[in-house]
């Protein structure tokens, strides 16, 4: 049977059907089980993978590296100082060179256009490890974690709290709508998602039956919530905006008061990490000294609570990335989706 994923790139959630996306989630769970039972699954034996990182990373780099090795491939890391993307060499030229040397390319950086160009000109599968617009590999990990907890996805309600127009919020809105998960964006109006993203999500929601809500009201936001999700208030490259974001987002912090408003003991908390929940980092200490707050998007109490699933979520980055690489570059059995 033909592998419908073979040769495709993984650039944005909108490029896949709901059935395809959920199949990838389930295949990730299968690979996770094989890993736990020490059963080899070397679908990419002898392949070479380029890992292009304009932006620094812990989970994405670790996940792609371990996933590639588990699959039998060799990952080669190329950081911002190793590549000349768009600086001394055009993305097109770089893509054509790398595509002749590598079997697949991961890209983590700023521009969605750049990852799209890599896919267009390299001739090999390209995987988006994060851009300013979308974070599709994160979404697979997020919704695998949710499905592991609840058994199914359709009809659940996920509430994103904080900066509603960043890449994670965009991706949660679109992916939730695609999969039939209700998505509430709890955010100040100044940081609501762009209309184009909302329109895309609404088009998917019309087919899946998902409900979308944008609100500044905490009670309205968390009513019926199964998942509370947050991200850092200041994204990479916006470090000069701490004061502005703290002022805007201080009322959108995930704390126990917000969790209690949801009135759901089965609720889980997710965070794509890193999280500013204490002062045990340089950033945390700096913010505490300058702005007088020791916790930002999530309190330490919630971060360490029974509701927290962010470390399971972080582990699932590796299993889901492995699934994407295996089916787009390898030849595992893929039934009709």
Protein backbone atom coordinates (compact mmCIF):
# COMPACT_ATOMS: atom_id res chain seq x y z
CA UNK A 1 0.00 0.00 0.00
CA UNK A 2 1.31 3.46 -0.91
CA UNK A 3 2.71 5.57 1.90
CA UNK A 4 0.78 8.82 1.41
CA UNK A 5 3.32 10.76 3.50
CA UNK A 6 6.43 9.69 1.57
CA UNK A 7 8.37 12.64 0.18
CA UNK A 8 6.13 15.27 1.77
CA UNK A 9 7.40 18.12 3.91
CA UNK A 10 5.97 19.04 7.31
CA UNK A 11 5.74 22.82 7.24
CA UNK A 12 2.38 23.82 8.77
CA UNK A 13 -0.61 22.06 10.28
CA UNK A 14 -2.95 23.41 7.62
CA UNK A 15 -1.21 21.25 5.00
CA UNK A 16 -2.64 18.03 6.47
CA UNK A 17 -6.14 16.63 6.83
CA UNK A 18 -7.61 15.86 10.23
CA UNK A 19 -7.32 12.13 9.49
CA UNK A 20 -3.67 12.46 8.49
CA UNK A 21 -2.81 14.53 11.55
CA UNK A 22 -4.51 12.15 13.95
CA UNK A 23 -2.86 9.17 12.21
CA UNK A 24 0.52 10.81 12.84
CA UNK A 25 -0.42 11.20 16.52
CA UNK A 26 -1.35 7.51 16.75
CA UNK A 27 1.78 6.40 14.90
CA UNK A 28 3.82 8.48 17.36
CA UNK A 29 2.18 6.56 20.21
CA UNK A 30 3.14 3.31 18.48
CA UNK A 31 6.78 4.40 18.11
CA UNK A 32 6.78 5.51 21.75
CA UNK A 33 5.66 2.03 22.76
CA UNK A 34 8.40 0.43 20.65
CA UNK A 35 10.97 2.71 22.29
CA UNK A 36 9.77 1.83 25.79
CA UNK A 37 10.01 -1.90 24.97
CA UNK A 38 13.47 -1.52 23.35
CA UNK A 39 12.19 -2.76 19.99
CA UNK A 40 14.33 -1.39 17.11
CA UNK A 41 12.54 0.73 14.50
CA UNK A 42 15.33 1.83 12.17
CA UNK A 43 13.25 3.05 9.26
CA UNK A 44 15.93 5.53 8.13
CA UNK A 45 19.02 3.33 8.18
CA UNK A 46 21.90 5.09 6.40
CA UNK A 47 20.06 8.39 5.86
CA UNK A 48 21.65 11.77 6.61
CA UNK A 49 19.64 14.57 8.22
CA UNK A 50 20.58 18.28 8.25
CA UNK A 51 19.45 20.18 11.36
CA UNK A 52 19.42 23.91 10.57
CA UNK A 53 19.05 26.13 13.63
CA UNK A 54 18.82 29.92 13.32
CA UNK A 55 17.13 29.96 16.73
CA UNK A 56 18.55 28.15 19.73
CA UNK A 57 16.73 25.16 21.12
CA UNK A 58 16.74 22.51 23.83
CA UNK A 59 13.76 20.26 23.12
CA UNK A 60 13.66 20.58 19.33
CA UNK A 61 17.36 19.89 18.85
CA UNK A 62 17.40 17.04 21.36
CA UNK A 63 14.23 15.53 19.90
CA UNK A 64 15.42 15.59 16.28
CA UNK A 65 18.84 14.24 17.25
CA UNK A 66 17.60 11.32 19.34
CA UNK A 67 14.77 10.55 16.91
CA UNK A 68 17.18 10.44 13.95
CA UNK A 69 19.61 8.15 15.76
CA UNK A 70 16.81 5.83 16.89
CA UNK A 71 15.69 5.61 13.26
CA UNK A 72 19.20 4.74 12.09
CA UNK A 73 19.96 8.12 10.52
CA UNK A 74 22.90 10.48 11.10
CA UNK A 75 21.91 14.00 12.22
CA UNK A 76 24.26 16.89 11.41
CA UNK A 77 23.73 20.11 13.38
CA UNK A 78 24.27 23.40 11.53
CA UNK A 79 23.82 26.44 13.76
CA UNK A 80 23.41 30.11 12.94
CA UNK A 81 27.19 30.53 12.61
CA UNK A 82 27.54 27.48 10.34
CA UNK A 83 25.11 28.40 7.58
CA UNK A 84 24.69 31.50 5.39
CA UNK A 85 20.95 31.26 4.77
CA UNK A 86 19.81 34.49 3.15
CA UNK A 87 23.03 36.30 4.14
CA UNK A 88 25.95 35.33 1.93
CA UNK A 89 23.93 32.72 0.05
CA UNK A 90 20.30 32.68 -0.98
CA UNK A 91 17.92 30.18 0.56
CA UNK A 92 17.38 28.70 -2.91
CA UNK A 93 21.09 28.08 -3.46
CA UNK A 94 21.58 26.66 0.03
CA UNK A 95 18.57 24.38 -0.41
CA UNK A 96 19.90 23.01 -3.69
CA UNK A 97 23.28 22.24 -2.11
CA UNK A 98 21.90 20.63 1.04
CA UNK A 99 19.34 18.63 -0.93
CA UNK A 100 22.18 17.00 -2.87
CA UNK A 101 23.99 16.00 0.34
CA UNK A 102 21.23 15.24 2.81
CA UNK A 103 18.11 13.09 2.66
CA UNK A 104 16.01 15.38 4.86
CA UNK A 105 16.27 18.88 6.36
CA UNK A 106 14.97 20.30 9.63
CA UNK A 107 14.73 24.09 9.97
CA UNK A 108 14.16 26.16 13.11
CA UNK A 109 14.24 29.88 12.60
CA UNK A 110 12.28 33.06 12.02
CA UNK A 111 10.82 33.06 8.53
CA UNK A 112 8.06 30.75 7.32
CA UNK A 113 8.96 31.78 3.77
CA UNK A 114 12.46 30.42 4.36
CA UNK A 115 11.30 26.97 5.40
CA UNK A 116 8.86 26.95 2.47
CA UNK A 117 11.72 27.85 0.09
CA UNK A 118 13.89 25.07 1.53
CA UNK A 119 11.11 22.62 0.75
CA UNK A 120 10.58 24.03 -2.74
CA UNK A 121 14.21 23.95 -3.84
CA UNK A 122 15.93 21.14 -1.91
CA UNK A 123 14.08 18.21 -3.44
CA UNK A 124 13.96 16.40 -0.05
CA UNK A 125 11.47 16.43 2.85
CA UNK A 126 11.78 19.53 5.05
CA UNK A 127 10.46 19.68 8.62
CA UNK A 128 9.52 22.90 10.39
CA UNK A 129 11.05 22.89 13.88
CA UNK A 130 9.54 26.36 14.52
CA UNK A 131 9.07 29.61 12.66
CA UNK A 132 7.50 32.88 13.70
CA UNK A 133 4.25 31.74 12.07
CA UNK A 134 3.79 28.05 12.97
CA UNK A 135 5.08 25.31 15.28
CA UNK A 136 3.70 22.06 13.81
CA UNK A 137 6.02 19.55 15.50
CA UNK A 138 5.01 21.04 18.85
CA UNK A 139 1.37 20.45 17.98
CA UNK A 140 1.85 16.74 17.41
CA UNK A 141 3.46 16.46 20.85
CA UNK A 142 0.75 18.55 22.47
CA UNK A 143 -2.16 16.60 21.06
CA UNK A 144 -0.45 13.24 21.66
CA UNK A 145 -0.13 14.27 25.32
CA UNK A 146 -3.80 15.27 25.44
CA UNK A 147 -4.94 12.06 23.74
CA UNK A 148 -2.85 9.96 26.15
CA UNK A 149 -4.64 11.70 29.03
CA UNK A 150 -8.22 11.69 27.76
CA UNK A 151 -8.28 8.82 25.26
CA UNK A 152 -9.71 10.92 22.42
CA UNK A 153 -9.61 14.51 21.18
CA UNK A 154 -12.89 15.63 19.58
CA UNK A 155 -15.09 17.63 21.92
CA UNK A 156 -12.39 18.55 24.44
CA UNK A 157 -11.80 22.20 25.32
CA UNK A 158 -8.31 23.71 25.34
CA UNK A 159 -7.71 27.19 26.73
CA UNK A 160 -4.60 29.07 25.65
CA UNK A 161 -3.67 31.81 28.12
CA UNK A 162 -1.38 34.71 27.26
CA UNK A 163 0.02 36.07 24.00
CA UNK A 164 -2.70 35.07 21.54
CA UNK A 165 -0.84 36.04 18.37
CA UNK A 166 2.38 34.08 18.71
CA UNK A 167 3.27 30.95 16.74
CA UNK A 168 2.10 28.52 19.44
CA UNK A 169 -1.29 30.23 19.75
CA UNK A 170 -1.66 30.23 15.96
CA UNK A 171 -0.87 26.55 15.77
CA UNK A 172 -3.12 25.55 18.68
CA UNK A 173 -6.02 27.48 17.19
CA UNK A 174 -5.70 25.88 13.76
CA UNK A 175 -4.80 22.37 14.94
CA UNK A 176 -7.55 22.29 17.56
CA UNK A 177 -10.10 23.40 14.98
CA UNK A 178 -8.81 20.78 12.55
CA UNK A 179 -9.16 17.98 15.12
CA UNK A 180 -12.52 19.00 16.58
CA UNK A 181 -11.06 20.40 19.81
CA UNK A 182 -12.68 23.59 21.12
CA UNK A 183 -10.05 26.31 21.46
CA UNK A 184 -10.43 29.35 23.70
CA UNK A 185 -7.85 32.13 23.39
CA UNK A 186 -7.68 33.95 26.74
CA UNK A 187 -5.72 37.04 25.82
CA UNK A 188 -5.87 40.85 25.81
CA UNK A 189 -7.50 42.18 22.65
CA UNK A 190 -4.20 43.78 21.61
CA UNK A 191 -2.75 40.27 21.35
CA UNK A 192 -5.65 38.43 19.73
CA UNK A 193 -4.71 36.24 16.72
CA UNK A 194 -4.55 37.87 13.32
CA UNK A 195 -7.75 37.70 11.30
CA UNK A 196 -6.17 35.49 8.63
CA UNK A 197 -5.31 32.86 11.25
CA UNK A 198 -8.77 33.09 12.79
CA UNK A 199 -10.41 32.72 9.37
CA UNK A 200 -8.34 29.60 8.67
CA UNK A 201 -9.28 28.11 12.03
CA UNK A 202 -12.95 28.92 11.50
CA UNK A 203 -12.89 27.11 8.15
CA UNK A 204 -11.58 23.96 9.84
CA UNK A 205 -13.99 24.36 12.76
CA UNK A 206 -16.93 24.48 10.37
CA UNK A 207 -16.00 20.97 9.22
CA UNK A 208 -15.02 19.50 12.59
CA UNK A 209 -17.67 21.04 14.85
CA UNK A 210 -15.08 22.73 17.07
CA UNK A 211 -15.94 25.97 18.83
CA UNK A 212 -13.54 28.94 18.84
CA UNK A 213 -13.64 31.69 21.42
CA UNK A 214 -11.49 34.80 21.83
CA UNK A 215 -12.02 36.50 25.17
CA UNK A 216 -10.50 38.74 27.84
CA UNK A 217 -12.84 37.29 30.47
CA UNK A 218 -11.31 34.60 32.70
CA UNK A 219 -14.60 33.00 33.75
CA UNK A 220 -15.79 32.74 30.16
CA UNK A 221 -12.40 31.49 28.98
CA UNK A 222 -11.96 28.55 31.34
CA UNK A 223 -15.57 27.40 31.53
CA UNK A 224 -15.55 23.70 30.60
CA UNK A 225 -11.77 23.61 30.17
CA UNK A 226 -10.00 20.26 29.95
CA UNK A 227 -6.58 21.75 29.14
CA UNK A 228 -4.97 25.01 30.20
CA UNK A 229 -1.98 25.90 28.04
CA UNK A 230 0.43 28.81 28.22
CA UNK A 231 3.70 29.99 26.71
CA UNK A 232 6.33 32.59 27.59
CA UNK A 233 5.14 36.18 27.56
CA UNK A 234 8.17 37.31 25.58
CA UNK A 235 9.17 35.30 22.50
CA UNK A 236 12.71 34.91 21.16
CA UNK A 237 13.83 38.16 19.56
CA UNK A 238 11.42 40.29 21.64
CA UNK A 239 13.45 40.52 24.85
CA UNK A 240 13.17 44.32 24.80
CA UNK A 241 9.41 44.04 25.42
CA UNK A 242 9.39 42.57 28.95
CA UNK A 243 7.82 45.65 30.57
CA UNK A 244 5.13 45.96 27.90
CA UNK A 245 4.24 42.24 28.02
CA UNK A 246 4.18 42.05 31.82
CA UNK A 247 1.76 44.99 31.91
CA UNK A 248 -0.43 43.43 29.22
CA UNK A 249 -0.39 39.84 30.44
CA UNK A 250 -0.20 39.90 34.24
CA UNK A 251 -3.93 39.13 34.47
CA UNK A 252 -3.57 36.13 32.13
CA UNK A 253 -1.22 34.13 34.32
CA UNK A 254 -2.07 30.46 34.90
CA UNK A 255 -2.44 30.17 38.67
CA UNK A 256 -4.50 28.06 41.05
CA UNK A 257 -7.29 30.63 41.05
CA UNK A 258 -7.68 30.19 37.29
CA UNK A 259 -7.54 26.40 37.57
CA UNK A 260 -10.27 26.44 40.23
CA UNK A 261 -12.48 28.51 37.92
CA UNK A 262 -12.45 25.59 35.46
CA UNK A 263 -13.93 23.31 38.16
CA UNK A 264 -12.58 20.15 36.51
CA UNK A 265 -10.41 17.84 38.60
CA UNK A 266 -9.32 16.01 35.43
CA UNK A 267 -7.94 19.21 33.90
CA UNK A 268 -4.30 19.19 32.78
CA UNK A 269 -1.78 21.99 32.37
CA UNK A 270 0.58 22.18 29.38
CA UNK A 271 3.50 24.46 28.52
CA UNK A 272 5.83 24.16 25.52
CA UNK A 273 8.76 25.31 27.72
CA UNK A 274 10.97 26.94 28.84
CA UNK A 275 8.75 28.35 31.60
CA UNK A 276 9.38 31.36 33.84
CA UNK A 277 7.84 29.94 37.01
CA UNK A 278 10.61 30.89 39.46
CA UNK A 279 13.85 32.88 39.70
CA UNK A 280 16.25 30.00 39.10
CA UNK A 281 17.35 31.40 35.73
CA UNK A 282 19.26 34.51 34.65
CA UNK A 283 16.08 35.81 32.98
CA UNK A 284 14.01 35.03 36.04
CA UNK A 285 16.36 36.87 38.38
CA UNK A 286 16.64 39.81 36.01
CA UNK A 287 12.86 40.16 35.69
CA UNK A 288 12.42 39.89 39.47
CA UNK A 289 14.97 42.65 40.04
CA UNK A 290 13.65 44.98 37.33
CA UNK A 291 9.90 44.41 37.55
CA UNK A 292 9.32 42.91 40.99
CA UNK A 293 7.67 39.65 39.92
CA UNK A 294 9.02 36.16 40.63
CA UNK A 295 6.62 34.26 38.36
CA UNK A 296 5.33 35.13 34.93
CA UNK A 297 3.05 33.07 32.68
CA UNK A 298 2.57 30.28 35.26
CA UNK A 299 3.00 30.10 39.01
CA UNK A 300 5.44 27.66 40.54
CA UNK A 301 2.52 26.09 42.40
CA UNK A 302 0.75 25.15 39.16
CA UNK A 303 3.98 24.18 37.42
CA UNK A 304 4.69 21.57 40.11
CA UNK A 305 1.07 20.54 40.67
CA UNK A 306 -0.84 17.32 39.95
CA UNK A 307 -2.31 19.03 36.88
CA UNK A 308 1.06 19.48 35.15
CA UNK A 309 1.92 17.34 32.12
CA UNK A 310 4.59 19.54 30.50
CA UNK A 311 7.46 17.09 30.99
CA UNK A 312 5.45 14.29 29.36
CA UNK A 313 4.69 16.83 26.63
CA UNK A 314 8.41 17.59 26.25
CA UNK A 315 9.27 13.89 25.93
CA UNK A 316 6.57 13.52 23.30
CA UNK A 317 8.40 16.02 21.08
CA UNK A 318 10.87 13.23 20.33
CA UNK A 319 8.31 10.50 19.63
CA UNK A 320 6.22 12.71 17.35
CA UNK A 321 9.20 14.12 15.44
CA UNK A 322 10.37 10.56 14.94
CA UNK A 323 7.00 9.65 13.45
CA UNK A 324 7.12 12.56 10.99
CA UNK A 325 10.65 11.73 9.81
CA UNK A 326 9.89 8.01 9.56
CA UNK A 327 6.83 8.37 7.32
CA UNK A 328 8.05 11.24 5.13
CA UNK A 329 11.50 9.80 4.49
CA UNK A 330 11.23 6.08 5.25
CA UNK A 331 8.99 3.18 4.27
CA UNK A 332 6.94 2.07 7.26
CA UNK A 333 3.57 0.51 6.56
CA UNK A 334 0.97 3.25 6.30
CA UNK A 335 -2.62 2.08 5.91
CA UNK A 336 -5.08 4.17 3.95
CA UNK A 337 -5.77 7.36 5.92
